Amino acid sequence: MKQMNIINYTSYFHDGSIIDISHDGCTIVFSMESSEISSNENIDNIDLSQNSTMKGKLYLEGVDLITENKEQISENLKMLYDSALIFHLKIQDKTLKLDLE
C-alpha cells in the first residue's frame, strides 16, 4: 500500500467524496475519492484512478473527540447514504474538519 501525506493534497478533495466510513473505538477510517486532477496538477506523479482521481483511505487513530455541528457525539460514525460530497477538508494540528453534504 502506497502512503502519502494527505496534508499536501487536501485542496484536491474539495468536491470529492466520502465513499465509506469504518469506526471502531478510537480508530476511524474514511474511504475517499478526490475531485478530478489534471495531468499538469499531478506534479508528484500520484497514481490516479481511471477517472483521474485519487482514491484511498484516511486512517485516524487515537480519536478522542468527535463533534457534529459543534455538539459532541458519542456514537460511532456511519454512512447514512451511499456517499457524501466533500465541501471542505482541513487538517490542522491533530484536528480533521470535514464539511459534507
C-alpha atoms as a PDB file:
ATOM      1  CA  MET A   1       0.000   0.000   0.000  1.00  0.00           C
ATOM      2  CA  LYS A   2       1.402   3.377  -1.026  1.00  0.00           C
ATOM      3  CA  GLN A   3       1.289   6.073   1.661  1.00  0.00           C
ATOM      4  CA  MET A   4       1.247   9.823   1.174  1.00  0.00           C
ATOM      5  CA  ASN A   5       0.913  12.891   3.341  1.00  0.00           C
ATOM      6  CA  ILE A   6      -2.668  13.981   2.703  1.00  0.00           C
ATOM      7  CA  ILE A   7      -1.982  17.439   4.149  1.00  0.00           C
ATOM      8  CA  ASN A   8      -0.279  18.260   0.839  1.00  0.00           C
ATOM      9  CA  TYR A   9      -3.415  17.295  -1.118  1.00  0.00           C
ATOM     10  CA  THR A  10      -6.423  18.434   0.917  1.00  0.00           C
ATOM     11  CA  SER A  11      -7.463  21.005  -1.710  1.00  0.00           C
ATOM     12  CA  TYR A  12      -7.998  18.194  -4.246  1.00  0.00           C
ATOM     13  CA  PHE A  13     -10.727  16.735  -2.034  1.00  0.00           C
ATOM     14  CA  HIS A  14     -12.967  19.804  -2.415  1.00  0.00           C
ATOM     15  CA  ASP A  15     -15.876  18.354  -4.418  1.00  0.00           C
ATOM     16  CA  GLY A  16     -14.537  14.868  -3.751  1.00  0.00           C
ATOM     17  CA  SER A  17     -16.450  12.122  -1.917  1.00  0.00           C
ATOM     18  CA  ILE A  18     -16.507  10.042   1.228  1.00  0.00           C
ATOM     19  CA  ILE A  19     -17.305   6.542  -0.018  1.00  0.00           C
ATOM     20  CA  ASP A  20     -17.297   4.635   3.275  1.00  0.00           C
ATOM     21  CA  ILE A  21     -16.589   5.068   6.972  1.00  0.00           C
ATOM     22  CA  SER A  22     -15.311   2.397   9.339  1.00  0.00           C
ATOM     23  CA  HIS A  23     -15.359   3.410  13.004  1.00  0.00           C
ATOM     24  CA  ASP A  24     -14.202   1.054  15.728  1.00  0.00           C
ATOM     25  CA  GLY A  25     -13.406   2.528  19.128  1.00  0.00           C
ATOM     26  CA  CYS A  26     -10.732   5.186  18.759  1.00  0.00           C
ATOM     27  CA  THR A  27      -9.966   4.387  15.111  1.00  0.00           C
ATOM     28  CA  ILE A  28     -11.824   5.842  12.135  1.00  0.00           C
ATOM     29  CA  VAL A  29     -11.085   5.014   8.502  1.00  0.00           C
ATOM     30  CA  PHE A  30     -12.519   7.201   5.746  1.00  0.00           C
ATOM     31  CA  SER A  31     -12.558   5.748   2.223  1.00  0.00           C
ATOM     32  CA  MET A  32     -12.292   8.790  -0.016  1.00  0.00           C
ATOM     33  CA  GLU A  33     -12.055   9.917  -3.605  1.00  0.00           C
ATOM     34  CA  SER A  34     -10.719  13.309  -4.683  1.00  0.00           C
ATOM     35  CA  SER A  35     -12.113  15.520  -7.390  1.00  0.00           C
ATOM     36  CA  GLU A  36     -10.598  15.139 -10.850  1.00  0.00           C
ATOM     37  CA  ILE A  37      -6.921  16.061 -11.124  1.00  0.00           C
ATOM     38  CA  SER A  38      -5.444  17.229 -14.408  1.00  0.00           C
ATOM     39  CA  SER A  39      -2.126  15.803 -15.549  1.00  0.00           C
ATOM     40  CA  ASN A  40      -0.365  19.164 -15.159  1.00  0.00           C
ATOM     41  CA  GLU A  41      -1.535  19.340 -11.496  1.00  0.00           C
ATOM     42  CA  ASN A  42      -0.174  15.872 -10.741  1.00  0.00           C
ATOM     43  CA  ILE A  43       3.377  17.113 -10.130  1.00  0.00           C
ATOM     44  CA  ASP A  44       4.136  14.281  -7.664  1.00  0.00           C
ATOM     45  CA  ASN A  45       3.051  11.601 -10.176  1.00  0.00           C
ATOM     46  CA  ILE A  46       0.423  10.199  -7.824  1.00  0.00           C
ATOM     47  CA  ASP A  47      -1.212   7.006  -9.077  1.00  0.00           C
ATOM     48  CA  LEU A  48      -4.657   8.134 -10.216  1.00  0.00           C
ATOM     49  CA  SER A  49      -7.810   6.134 -10.886  1.00  0.00           C
ATOM     50  CA  GLN A  50      -9.181   5.732 -14.415  1.00  0.00           C
ATOM     51  CA  ASN A  51     -11.315   8.816 -13.635  1.00  0.00           C
ATOM     52  CA  SER A  52      -8.175  10.902 -12.902  1.00  0.00           C
ATOM     53  CA  THR A  53      -8.911  10.992  -9.162  1.00  0.00           C
ATOM     54  CA  MET A  54      -7.048   9.914  -6.043  1.00  0.00           C
ATOM     55  CA  LYS A  55      -8.733   7.052  -4.210  1.00  0.00           C
ATOM     56  CA  GLY A  56      -7.634   5.884  -0.828  1.00  0.00           C
ATOM     57  CA  LYS A  57      -8.188   5.610   2.884  1.00  0.00           C
ATOM     58  CA  LEU A  58      -7.529   8.178   5.564  1.00  0.00           C
ATOM     59  CA  TYR A  59      -6.706   6.431   8.852  1.00  0.00           C
ATOM     60  CA  LEU A  60      -7.316   8.302  12.102  1.00  0.00           C
ATOM     61  CA  GLU A  61      -6.071   6.614  15.260  1.00  0.00           C
ATOM     62  CA  GLY A  62      -6.463   7.740  18.865  1.00  0.00           C
ATOM     63  CA  VAL A  63      -9.642   9.708  18.177  1.00  0.00           C
ATOM     64  CA  ASP A  64     -10.979  11.008  21.473  1.00  0.00           C
ATOM     65  CA  LEU A  65     -13.479  13.683  20.417  1.00  0.00           C
ATOM     66  CA  ILE A  66     -15.983  13.918  17.574  1.00  0.00           C
ATOM     67  CA  THR A  67     -18.260  16.892  17.090  1.00  0.00           C
ATOM     68  CA  GLU A  68     -21.074  17.451  14.648  1.00  0.00           C
ATOM     69  CA  ASN A  69     -22.438  20.971  14.259  1.00  0.00           C
ATOM     70  CA  LYS A  70     -20.378  21.963  17.350  1.00  0.00           C
ATOM     71  CA  GLU A  71     -22.011  19.281  19.530  1.00  0.00           C
ATOM     72  CA  GLN A  72     -20.063  16.319  20.861  1.00  0.00           C
ATOM     73  CA  ILE A  73     -21.293  12.931  19.696  1.00  0.00           C
ATOM     74  CA  SER A  74     -20.525   9.636  21.362  1.00  0.00           C
ATOM     75  CA  GLU A  75     -21.813   7.091  18.861  1.00  0.00           C
ATOM     76  CA  ASN A  76     -19.739   5.560  16.092  1.00  0.00           C
ATOM     77  CA  LEU A  77     -19.742   7.365  12.771  1.00  0.00           C
ATOM     78  CA  LYS A  78     -21.533   5.583   9.939  1.00  0.00           C
ATOM     79  CA  MET A  79     -22.637   6.319   6.426  1.00  0.00           C
ATOM     80  CA  LEU A  80     -26.235   7.475   6.139  1.00  0.00           C
ATOM     81  CA  TYR A  81     -26.157   7.452   2.325  1.00  0.00           C
ATOM     82  CA  ASP A  82     -24.104   5.747  -0.395  1.00  0.00           C
ATOM     83  CA  SER A  83     -21.626   8.624  -0.445  1.00  0.00           C
ATOM     84  CA  ALA A  84     -21.105  12.142   0.869  1.00  0.00           C
ATOM     85  CA  LEU A  85     -19.857  15.135  -1.108  1.00  0.00           C
ATOM     86  CA  ILE A  86     -16.876  16.872   0.486  1.00  0.00           C
ATOM     87  CA  PHE A  87     -17.164  20.659   0.517  1.00  0.00           C
ATOM     88  CA  HIS A  88     -14.061  21.239   2.647  1.00  0.00           C
ATOM     89  CA  LEU A  89     -11.392  19.019   4.147  1.00  0.00           C
ATOM     90  CA  LYS A  90      -8.931  20.677   6.509  1.00  0.00           C
ATOM     91  CA  ILE A  91      -6.267  19.117   8.695  1.00  0.00           C
ATOM     92  CA  GLN A  92      -4.595  21.319  11.283  1.00  0.00           C
ATOM     93  CA  ASP A  93      -2.520  20.116  14.202  1.00  0.00           C
ATOM     94  CA  LYS A  94      -4.382  16.993  15.354  1.00  0.00           C
ATOM     95  CA  THR A  95      -7.793  18.096  14.090  1.00  0.00           C
ATOM     96  CA  LEU A  96      -9.676  16.980  10.977  1.00  0.00           C
ATOM     97  CA  LYS A  97     -12.507  19.238   9.853  1.00  0.00           C
ATOM     98  CA  LEU A  98     -14.948  17.993   7.232  1.00  0.00           C
ATOM     99  CA  ASP A  99     -17.849  19.871   5.690  1.00  0.00           C
ATOM    100  CA  LEU A 100     -20.070  17.308   3.957  1.00  0.00           C
ATOM    101  CA  GLU A 101     -23.331  17.166   2.110  1.00  0.00           C
END
